[in-house]
C-alpha atoms as a PDB file:
ATOM      1  CA  MET A   1      -4.457  36.707 -16.324  1.00  0.00           C
ATOM      2  CA  SER A   2      -3.524  39.999 -15.400  1.00  0.00           C
ATOM      3  CA  GLU A   3      -0.982  41.792 -16.679  1.00  0.00           C
ATOM      4  CA  ASN A   4       1.174  41.950 -13.845  1.00  0.00           C
ATOM      5  CA  ALA A   5       0.351  38.094 -13.527  1.00  0.00           C
ATOM      6  CA  PRO A   6       4.156  37.385 -15.538  1.00  0.00           C
ATOM      7  CA  LEU A   7       5.926  39.761 -13.055  1.00  0.00           C
ATOM      8  CA  LEU A   8       3.869  38.283  -9.721  1.00  0.00           C
ATOM      9  CA  ILE A   9       4.839  34.667 -10.875  1.00  0.00           C
ATOM     10  CA  LYS A  10       8.846  35.505 -11.401  1.00  0.00           C
ATOM     11  CA  ASP A  11       8.872  37.127  -7.904  1.00  0.00           C
ATOM     12  CA  TYR A  12       7.257  34.130  -6.537  1.00  0.00           C
ATOM     13  CA  LEU A  13      10.085  32.053  -8.138  1.00  0.00           C
ATOM     14  CA  ASP A  14      12.716  34.192  -7.234  1.00  0.00           C
ATOM     15  CA  SER A  15      11.141  34.091  -3.535  1.00  0.00           C
ATOM     16  CA  ILE A  16      11.530  29.858  -4.058  1.00  0.00           C
ATOM     17  CA  ALA A  17      15.230  30.485  -5.013  1.00  0.00           C
ATOM     18  CA  ASN A  18      16.185  32.155  -1.970  1.00  0.00           C
ATOM     19  CA  LYS A  19      14.217  29.603   0.218  1.00  0.00           C
ATOM     20  CA  ILE A  20      16.266  26.706  -1.332  1.00  0.00           C
ATOM     21  CA  ASP A  21      19.551  28.777  -0.902  1.00  0.00           C
ATOM     22  CA  GLU A  22      18.651  29.288   2.907  1.00  0.00           C
ATOM     23  CA  LYS A  23      17.153  25.684   3.301  1.00  0.00           C
ATOM     24  CA  ILE A  24      20.098  23.903   1.888  1.00  0.00           C
ATOM     25  CA  GLU A  25      22.638  25.636   4.418  1.00  0.00           C
ATOM     26  CA  ARG A  26      20.187  23.969   7.116  1.00  0.00           C
ATOM     27  CA  THR A  27      20.430  20.464   8.381  1.00  0.00           C
ATOM     28  CA  MET A  28      17.613  18.571   8.448  1.00  0.00           C
ATOM     29  CA  GLU A  29      17.276  16.541  11.794  1.00  0.00           C
ATOM     30  CA  VAL A  30      16.022  12.842  11.091  1.00  0.00           C
ATOM     31  CA  ILE A  31      14.503  10.730  14.311  1.00  0.00           C
ATOM     32  CA  PRO A  32      14.236   7.365  14.534  1.00  0.00           C
ATOM     33  CA  ALA A  33      10.884   6.358  14.849  1.00  0.00           C
ATOM     34  CA  SER A  34       9.896   3.813  17.666  1.00  0.00           C
ATOM     35  CA  VAL A  35       6.871   1.277  17.185  1.00  0.00           C
ATOM     36  CA  ASP A  36       4.792   3.617  19.173  1.00  0.00           C
ATOM     37  CA  PHE A  37       4.995   6.310  16.543  1.00  0.00           C
ATOM     38  CA  LYS A  38       1.999   8.284  15.489  1.00  0.00           C
ATOM     39  CA  ILE A  39       1.367  10.336  12.294  1.00  0.00           C
ATOM     40  CA  ASN A  40       0.317  13.318  14.743  1.00  0.00           C
ATOM     41  CA  ASP A  41       3.930  13.302  16.475  1.00  0.00           C
ATOM     42  CA  LEU A  42       5.086  14.735  12.558  1.00  0.00           C
ATOM     43  CA  TYR A  43       6.680  18.061  12.611  1.00  0.00           C
ATOM     44  CA  PHE A  44       6.285  20.984   9.592  1.00  0.00           C
ATOM     45  CA  GLU A  45       9.713  22.547  10.454  1.00  0.00           C
ATOM     46  CA  ASP A  46      13.266  20.768   9.541  1.00  0.00           C
ATOM     47  CA  LYS A  47      12.910  17.236  11.071  1.00  0.00           C
ATOM     48  CA  CYS A  48      11.475  14.218   9.887  1.00  0.00           C
ATOM     49  CA  TYR A  49      10.977  10.566  10.837  1.00  0.00           C
ATOM     50  CA  SER A  50      13.086   7.453   9.887  1.00  0.00           C
ATOM     51  CA  PHE A  51      11.880   4.020   9.795  1.00  0.00           C
ATOM     52  CA  GLU A  52      14.706   0.979   9.727  1.00  0.00           C
ATOM     53  CA  ASN A  53      12.026  -1.618   8.291  1.00  0.00           C
ATOM     54  CA  ILE A  54       8.383  -0.862   7.436  1.00  0.00           C
ATOM     55  CA  ALA A  55       5.685  -3.214   5.104  1.00  0.00           C
ATOM     56  CA  VAL A  56       4.090  -0.921   2.029  1.00  0.00           C
ATOM     57  CA  LEU A  57       1.134  -2.640   1.173  1.00  0.00           C
ATOM     58  CA  PHE A  58      -0.275  -0.787  -2.554  1.00  0.00           C
ATOM     59  CA  PHE A  59      -3.669  -1.047  -4.250  1.00  0.00           C
ATOM     60  CA  ASP A  60      -5.062  -0.408  -7.490  1.00  0.00           C
ATOM     61  CA  LEU A  61      -8.522  -1.159  -9.138  1.00  0.00           C
ATOM     62  CA  HIS A  62      -8.126  -3.398 -12.454  1.00  0.00           C
ATOM     63  CA  SER A  63      -9.417  -2.037 -15.258  1.00  0.00           C
ATOM     64  CA  SER A  64     -10.838   1.173 -13.758  1.00  0.00           C
ATOM     65  CA  THR A  65     -10.342   3.086 -17.185  1.00  0.00           C
ATOM     66  CA  GLN A  66     -12.859   0.936 -19.169  1.00  0.00           C
ATOM     67  CA  MET A  67     -15.436   1.664 -15.787  1.00  0.00           C
ATOM     68  CA  THR A  68     -15.424   5.302 -16.671  1.00  0.00           C
ATOM     69  CA  ASP A  69     -16.174   4.522 -20.308  1.00  0.00           C
ATOM     70  CA  VAL A  70     -19.216   2.374 -19.855  1.00  0.00           C
ATOM     71  CA  LEU A  71     -20.720   3.441 -16.154  1.00  0.00           C
ATOM     72  CA  ASN A  72     -22.317   7.134 -15.543  1.00  0.00           C
ATOM     73  CA  ASN A  73     -20.782   9.479 -12.742  1.00  0.00           C
ATOM     74  CA  ASN A  74     -23.536   8.108 -10.293  1.00  0.00           C
ATOM     75  CA  GLN A  75     -22.513   4.306 -11.056  1.00  0.00           C
ATOM     76  CA  LEU A  76     -18.662   5.328 -10.971  1.00  0.00           C
ATOM     77  CA  ALA A  77     -19.017   7.076  -7.047  1.00  0.00           C
ATOM     78  CA  GLN A  78     -21.125   4.279  -5.893  1.00  0.00           C
ATOM     79  CA  ILE A  79     -18.554   1.516  -6.977  1.00  0.00           C
ATOM     80  CA  TYR A  80     -15.619   3.560  -5.262  1.00  0.00           C
ATOM     81  CA  ASN A  81     -17.478   3.790  -2.824  1.00  0.00           C
ATOM     82  CA  ILE A  82     -17.922   0.167  -2.296  1.00  0.00           C
ATOM     83  CA  ALA A  83     -14.629  -1.270  -3.697  1.00  0.00           C
ATOM     84  CA  VAL A  84     -12.471   1.529  -1.980  1.00  0.00           C
ATOM     85  CA  GLY A  85     -14.214   1.950   1.302  1.00  0.00           C
ATOM     86  CA  ASN A  86     -14.685  -1.751   1.608  1.00  0.00           C
ATOM     87  CA  LEU A  87     -11.149  -2.218   0.939  1.00  0.00           C
ATOM     88  CA  VAL A  88     -10.088   0.571   3.642  1.00  0.00           C
ATOM     89  CA  THR A  89     -12.376  -1.343   6.284  1.00  0.00           C
ATOM     90  CA  LEU A  90     -10.115  -4.382   5.245  1.00  0.00           C
ATOM     91  CA  LEU A  91      -6.489  -2.813   5.846  1.00  0.00           C
ATOM     92  CA  ASN A  92      -8.024  -1.129   9.254  1.00  0.00           C
ATOM     93  CA  ALA A  93      -8.875  -4.368  10.166  1.00  0.00           C
ATOM     94  CA  PHE A  94      -5.503  -5.311  10.113  1.00  0.00           C
ATOM     95  CA  GLU A  95      -4.224  -2.430  11.832  1.00  0.00           C
ATOM     96  CA  ALA A  96      -2.548  -0.523   8.908  1.00  0.00           C
ATOM     97  CA  ASP A  97      -1.002   2.428  10.909  1.00  0.00           C
ATOM     98  CA  PHE A  98      -1.549   4.687   7.846  1.00  0.00           C
ATOM     99  CA  ILE A  99      -3.563   4.912   4.599  1.00  0.00           C
ATOM    100  CA  ASP A 100      -3.560   7.087   1.551  1.00  0.00           C
ATOM    101  CA  ILE A 101      -6.278   7.355  -0.840  1.00  0.00           C
ATOM    102  CA  GLN A 102      -4.911   8.013  -4.686  1.00  0.00           C
ATOM    103  CA  GLY A 103      -8.487   7.957  -6.702  1.00  0.00           C
ATOM    104  CA  ASP A 104      -9.090   4.488  -7.146  1.00  0.00           C
ATOM    105  CA  GLY A 105      -6.098   3.066  -5.483  1.00  0.00           C
ATOM    106  CA  GLY A 106      -3.420   4.086  -2.501  1.00  0.00           C
ATOM    107  CA  PHE A 107      -0.787   2.664   0.273  1.00  0.00           C
ATOM    108  CA  ALA A 108      -1.155   1.340   3.516  1.00  0.00           C
ATOM    109  CA  ILE A 109       1.986   1.344   5.511  1.00  0.00           C
ATOM    110  CA  PHE A 110       2.125  -1.213   8.445  1.00  0.00           C
ATOM    111  CA  TRP A 111       5.024  -0.369  11.461  1.00  0.00           C
ATOM    112  CA  GLN A 112       3.947  -1.667  14.439  1.00  0.00           C
ATOM    113  CA  LYS A 113       4.705  -5.307  15.959  1.00  0.00           C
ATOM    114  CA  ASN A 114       4.423  -7.993  13.504  1.00  0.00           C
ATOM    115  CA  ASN A 115       4.020  -5.573  10.941  1.00  0.00           C
ATOM    116  CA  HIS A 116       4.898  -7.837   7.481  1.00  0.00           C
ATOM    117  CA  LYS A 117       2.838 -10.299   8.539  1.00  0.00           C
ATOM    118  CA  LYS A 118      -0.205  -8.313   9.504  1.00  0.00           C
ATOM    119  CA  ALA A 119       0.193  -6.607   5.689  1.00  0.00           C
ATOM    120  CA  LEU A 120       0.651  -9.780   4.236  1.00  0.00           C
ATOM    121  CA  SER A 121      -2.544 -11.316   6.005  1.00  0.00           C
ATOM    122  CA  ALA A 122      -4.450  -8.044   4.877  1.00  0.00           C
ATOM    123  CA  ALA A 123      -3.314  -8.691   1.172  1.00  0.00           C
ATOM    124  CA  PHE A 124      -4.720 -12.140   1.456  1.00  0.00           C
ATOM    125  CA  SER A 125      -8.355 -10.568   2.628  1.00  0.00           C
ATOM    126  CA  ILE A 126      -7.749  -8.748  -0.220  1.00  0.00           C
ATOM    127  CA  THR A 127      -7.801 -11.821  -2.524  1.00  0.00           C
ATOM    128  CA  ASN A 128     -11.016 -12.991  -0.705  1.00  0.00           C
ATOM    129  CA  PHE A 129     -12.797  -9.346  -0.840  1.00  0.00           C
ATOM    130  CA  ASN A 130     -11.930  -9.451  -5.106  1.00  0.00           C
ATOM    131  CA  THR A 131     -13.407 -12.378  -5.603  1.00  0.00           C
ATOM    132  CA  ALA A 132     -16.828 -11.264  -3.723  1.00  0.00           C
ATOM    133  CA  LEU A 133     -16.684  -7.802  -4.959  1.00  0.00           C
ATOM    134  CA  VAL A 134     -16.477  -9.055  -8.729  1.00  0.00           C
ATOM    135  CA  LYS A 135     -18.910 -11.157  -8.255  1.00  0.00           C
ATOM    136  CA  LYS A 136     -21.684  -8.431  -6.728  1.00  0.00           C
ATOM    137  CA  LEU A 137     -20.639  -5.917  -9.622  1.00  0.00           C
ATOM    138  CA  ARG A 138     -20.927  -8.472 -12.518  1.00  0.00           C
ATOM    139  CA  GLU A 139     -24.430  -9.526 -11.678  1.00  0.00           C
ATOM    140  CA  LYS A 140     -25.187  -5.393 -11.606  1.00  0.00           C
ATOM    141  CA  TYR A 141     -22.726  -4.711 -14.789  1.00  0.00           C
ATOM    142  CA  PRO A 142     -21.919  -7.257 -16.859  1.00  0.00           C
ATOM    143  CA  ASN A 143     -20.133  -5.591 -19.249  1.00  0.00           C
ATOM    144  CA  LEU A 144     -17.084  -4.382 -16.214  1.00  0.00           C
ATOM    145  CA  GLU A 145     -13.942  -5.838 -16.823  1.00  0.00           C
ATOM    146  CA  THR A 146     -12.559  -5.582 -13.325  1.00  0.00           C
ATOM    147  CA  GLN A 147     -11.090  -8.441 -11.495  1.00  0.00           C
ATOM    148  CA  GLY A 148     -10.438  -6.313  -8.359  1.00  0.00           C
ATOM    149  CA  PHE A 149      -7.694  -4.887  -6.732  1.00  0.00           C
ATOM    150  CA  LYS A 150      -3.939  -5.339  -7.353  1.00  0.00           C
ATOM    151  CA  VAL A 151      -1.543  -5.613  -5.057  1.00  0.00           C
ATOM    152  CA  GLY A 152       2.112  -4.956  -4.390  1.00  0.00           C
ATOM    153  CA  LEU A 153       4.581  -5.478  -1.298  1.00  0.00           C
ATOM    154  CA  ALA A 154       7.640  -3.890  -0.382  1.00  0.00           C
ATOM    155  CA  ALA A 155       9.610  -3.560   2.971  1.00  0.00           C
ATOM    156  CA  GLY A 156      12.405  -1.112   4.135  1.00  0.00           C
ATOM    157  CA  LYS A 157      14.151   1.862   5.246  1.00  0.00           C
ATOM    158  CA  VAL A 158      11.882   5.425   4.702  1.00  0.00           C
ATOM    159  CA  LEU A 159      11.304   8.943   5.857  1.00  0.00           C
ATOM    160  CA  VAL A 160       8.066  10.805   6.007  1.00  0.00           C
ATOM    161  CA  LYS A 161       7.705  14.524   6.906  1.00  0.00           C
ATOM    162  CA  LYS A 162       4.636  16.841   6.682  1.00  0.00           C
ATOM    163  CA  TYR A 163       4.788  18.861   3.751  1.00  0.00           C
ATOM    164  CA  GLY A 164       2.334  21.948   2.711  1.00  0.00           C
ATOM    165  CA  ALA A 165       1.924  25.764   2.661  1.00  0.00           C
ATOM    166  CA  ARG A 166       1.912  27.609   5.821  1.00  0.00           C
ATOM    167  CA  GLY A 167      -1.688  28.877   6.745  1.00  0.00           C
ATOM    168  CA  SER A 168      -2.914  26.447   4.074  1.00  0.00           C
ATOM    169  CA  GLU A 169      -5.424  23.214   5.171  1.00  0.00           C
ATOM    170  CA  TRP A 170      -3.263  21.505   3.054  1.00  0.00           C
ATOM    171  CA  LYS A 171      -0.401  19.717   4.804  1.00  0.00           C
ATOM    172  CA  LYS A 172       0.562  15.667   4.700  1.00  0.00           C
ATOM    173  CA  PRO A 173       2.668  12.878   5.496  1.00  0.00           C
ATOM    174  CA  ILE A 174       4.848  12.704   2.317  1.00  0.00           C
ATOM    175  CA  TRP A 175       6.825   9.439   2.741  1.00  0.00           C
ATOM    176  CA  ALA A 176      10.006   8.702   0.659  1.00  0.00           C
ATOM    177  CA  GLY A 177      11.740   5.550   0.179  1.00  0.00           C
ATOM    178  CA  THR A 178      12.864   2.590  -2.072  1.00  0.00           C
ATOM    179  CA  PRO A 179       9.794   0.522  -0.308  1.00  0.00           C
ATOM    180  CA  VAL A 180       7.117   2.869  -1.159  1.00  0.00           C
ATOM    181  CA  ASN A 181       8.775   3.159  -5.117  1.00  0.00           C
ATOM    182  CA  TYR A 182       8.935  -0.561  -5.035  1.00  0.00           C
ATOM    183  CA  ALA A 183       5.231  -1.511  -3.457  1.00  0.00           C
ATOM    184  CA  ALA A 184       3.695   0.711  -6.657  1.00  0.00           C
ATOM    185  CA  LYS A 185       5.640  -0.744  -9.357  1.00  0.00           C
ATOM    186  CA  LEU A 186       4.361  -4.350  -8.579  1.00  0.00           C
ATOM    187  CA  CYS A 187       1.527  -3.263  -8.305  1.00  0.00           C
ATOM    188  CA  GLN A 188       1.410  -2.139 -11.781  1.00  0.00           C
ATOM    189  CA  GLN A 189       2.906  -5.558 -12.585  1.00  0.00           C
ATOM    190  CA  THR A 190       0.466  -8.002 -11.377  1.00  0.00           C
ATOM    191  CA  THR A 191      -3.392  -9.119 -11.596  1.00  0.00           C
ATOM    192  CA  PRO A 192      -5.838  -9.114  -9.290  1.00  0.00           C
ATOM    193  CA  GLY A 193      -5.291 -12.599  -7.051  1.00  0.00           C
ATOM    194  CA  ASN A 194      -1.973 -12.616  -7.562  1.00  0.00           C
ATOM    195  CA  ILE A 195       0.234 -10.804  -4.877  1.00  0.00           C
ATOM    196  CA  LEU A 196       3.852  -9.446  -5.755  1.00  0.00           C
ATOM    197  CA  VAL A 197       6.244  -8.767  -2.703  1.00  0.00           C
ATOM    198  CA  THR A 198       9.531  -7.787  -2.839  1.00  0.00           C
ATOM    199  CA  THR A 199      12.131 -10.507  -2.115  1.00  0.00           C
ATOM    200  CA  ASN A 200      13.533  -8.614   1.116  1.00  0.00           C
ATOM    201  CA  PHE A 201       9.219  -8.734   1.816  1.00  0.00           C
ATOM    202  CA  TYR A 202       9.377 -12.089   1.607  1.00  0.00           C
ATOM    203  CA  ASN A 203      12.247 -12.451   3.877  1.00  0.00           C
ATOM    204  CA  GLN A 204      10.368 -11.277   6.781  1.00  0.00           C
ATOM    205  CA  ILE A 205       8.081 -13.898   6.652  1.00  0.00           C
ATOM    206  CA  GLU A 206       9.596 -16.826   5.140  1.00  0.00           C
ATOM    207  CA  HIS A 207      10.538 -18.493   8.296  1.00  0.00           C
ATOM    208  CA  ASP A 208       6.939 -18.843   9.215  1.00  0.00           C
ATOM    209  CA  LYS A 209       4.812 -21.922   7.488  1.00  0.00           C
ATOM    210  CA  TYR A 210       1.807 -20.503   8.099  1.00  0.00           C
ATOM    211  CA  TYR A 211       2.526 -18.004   5.196  1.00  0.00           C
ATOM    212  CA  THR A 212       4.518 -20.474   2.954  1.00  0.00           C
ATOM    213  CA  HIS A 213       2.106 -23.007   3.457  1.00  0.00           C
ATOM    214  CA  GLY A 214      -0.891 -22.397   4.525  1.00  0.00           C
ATOM    215  CA  CYS A 215      -3.590 -24.685   5.843  1.00  0.00           C
ATOM    216  CA  ASN A 216      -4.772 -28.416   4.861  1.00  0.00           C
ATOM    217  CA  CYS A 217      -7.485 -27.559   3.133  1.00  0.00           C
ATOM    218  CA  ARG A 218      -6.156 -24.223   1.498  1.00  0.00           C
ATOM    219  CA  ASN A 219      -3.723 -26.732  -0.702  1.00  0.00           C
ATOM    220  CA  GLU A 220      -5.114 -30.182  -0.012  1.00  0.00           C
ATOM    221  CA  ASN A 221      -1.623 -31.231   1.594  1.00  0.00           C
ATOM    222  CA  LYS A 222      -0.046 -29.051   4.209  1.00  0.00           C
ATOM    223  CA  ASP A 223       3.513 -29.281   2.365  1.00  0.00           C
ATOM    224  CA  LEU A 224       2.982 -27.673  -0.527  1.00  0.00           C
ATOM    225  CA  TYR A 225       4.709 -24.476  -0.762  1.00  0.00           C
ATOM    226  CA  PHE A 226       2.649 -21.463  -2.150  1.00  0.00           C
ATOM    227  CA  TRP A 227       5.050 -19.058  -3.743  1.00  0.00           C
ATOM    228  CA  HIS A 228       6.807 -18.612  -6.652  1.00  0.00           C
ATOM    229  CA  GLU A 229       9.596 -16.428  -8.134  1.00  0.00           C
ATOM    230  CA  ARG A 230       9.329 -14.154 -10.873  1.00  0.00           C
ATOM    231  CA  LYS A 231      12.101 -12.899 -12.865  1.00  0.00           C
ATOM    232  CA  ASP A 232      10.717 -10.310 -15.248  1.00  0.00           C
ATOM    233  CA  ILE A 233      10.170  -7.824 -13.163  1.00  0.00           C
ATOM    234  CA  GLN A 234      11.023  -4.155 -14.458  1.00  0.00           C
ATOM    235  CA  HIS A 235      12.392  -1.122 -12.706  1.00  0.00           C
ATOM    236  CA  LEU A 236      13.299  -2.482  -9.348  1.00  0.00           C
ATOM    237  CA  TYR A 237      17.164  -1.267  -8.945  1.00  0.00           C
ATOM    238  CA  LYS A 238      19.736  -4.250  -9.538  1.00  0.00           C
ATOM    239  CA  THR A 239      17.331  -6.817  -9.175  1.00  0.00           C
ATOM    240  CA  ASN A 240      14.562  -8.305 -11.713  1.00  0.00           C
ATOM    241  CA  SER A 241      12.502 -10.780  -9.253  1.00  0.00           C
ATOM    242  CA  ALA A 242      10.220 -10.878  -6.868  1.00  0.00           C
ATOM    243  CA  MET A 243       7.877 -13.166  -5.383  1.00  0.00           C
ATOM    244  CA  THR A 244       4.463 -13.645  -5.959  1.00  0.00           C
ATOM    245  CA  THR A 245       1.302 -16.178  -4.658  1.00  0.00           C
ATOM    246  CA  THR A 246      -2.171 -16.363  -5.420  1.00  0.00           C
ATOM    247  CA  ALA A 247      -3.096 -17.406  -1.437  1.00  0.00           C
ATOM    248  CA  ALA A 248      -5.968 -16.067   0.203  1.00  0.00           C
ATOM    249  CA  LEU A 249      -7.382 -16.852   3.832  1.00  0.00           C
ATOM    250  CA  CYS A 250      -9.182 -19.574   4.409  1.00  0.00           C
ATOM    251  CA  PHE A 251     -12.509 -20.190   6.054  1.00  0.00           C
ATOM    252  CA  ASN A 252     -13.121 -23.867   5.599  1.00  0.00           C
ATOM    253  CA  CYS A 253     -11.305 -24.463   9.179  1.00  0.00           C
ATOM    254  CA  GLU A 254     -10.075 -23.233  12.168  1.00  0.00           C
ATOM    255  CA  THR A 255      -6.348 -22.677  10.807  1.00  0.00           C
ATOM    256  CA  ASP A 256      -6.324 -18.885   9.864  1.00  0.00           C
ATOM    257  CA  SER A 257      -9.287 -17.359  12.148  1.00  0.00           C
ATOM    258  CA  SER A 258      -6.786 -18.837  14.583  1.00  0.00           C
ATOM    259  CA  TYR A 259      -3.683 -17.657  13.401  1.00  0.00           C
ATOM    260  CA  ILE A 260      -5.101 -13.886  12.840  1.00  0.00           C
ATOM    261  CA  ARG A 261      -6.782 -13.971  16.307  1.00  0.00           C
ATOM    262  CA  LYS A 262      -3.038 -14.648  17.379  1.00  0.00           C
ATOM    263  CA  LEU A 263      -2.080 -11.984  15.562  1.00  0.00           C
ATOM    264  CA  MET A 264      -3.409  -9.044  16.164  1.00  0.00           C
ATOM    265  CA  LYS A 265      -2.867 -10.361  19.745  1.00  0.00           C
ATOM    266  CA  ASN A 266       0.965 -10.062  18.799  1.00  0.00           C
ATOM    267  CA  GLU A 267       1.361 -13.786  19.790  1.00  0.00           C
ATOM    268  CA  THR A 268       2.915 -15.404  16.922  1.00  0.00           C
END
């Protein structure tokens, strides 16, 4: 660090303070987003978009820290490519509108028609994917502890704006709001195969029996309700309750395949 560095940093911090003074006096324009909103519509100026009822799916690879202790860099890169790469493919298949990868996890946001149903269907499919992923990884790396991806979902209002440094290549959308925070917190408080959702997310799908009971062969009884309440959730504002399920997609009959085809055509 040069001798002038402290002075340069002070000048920089003073400049930031002045910018704060300027921006705090300006009004941020908030534009209601339509279902046709595209990420490329985002502004870098003092404008942001608001969504009233999006679905957020957070995912995180279980026991990834243990992998760094037992695998070399080439092996880690291979697993991340297989695990995260294929998970993104699944999310795209269910028409996630935005996906952000953060190491061995990340989140997907759904805002178009049937967004909550598509997000939950994607979560069901991740449970299926976990089974196949863990089987293959254990065959090659028997000492791995991972059980696949943990998943948390939430729904509600968010704001989104593009942030970054002018003149820099780093510019990305930043999503702010309770659903993003809650989905992340739920993801950390569950295990692979146990999808955890906020109660307001559950309220979006509770009247569609496909998402609460499933098919006959999945449950052996079409009247068997497959959700349970958890009352030990931490760090959610004014509540410690969420809903959980171990449901996955069933491919033993036509029920799930037929429903998914209708869902992707927005016919449900």
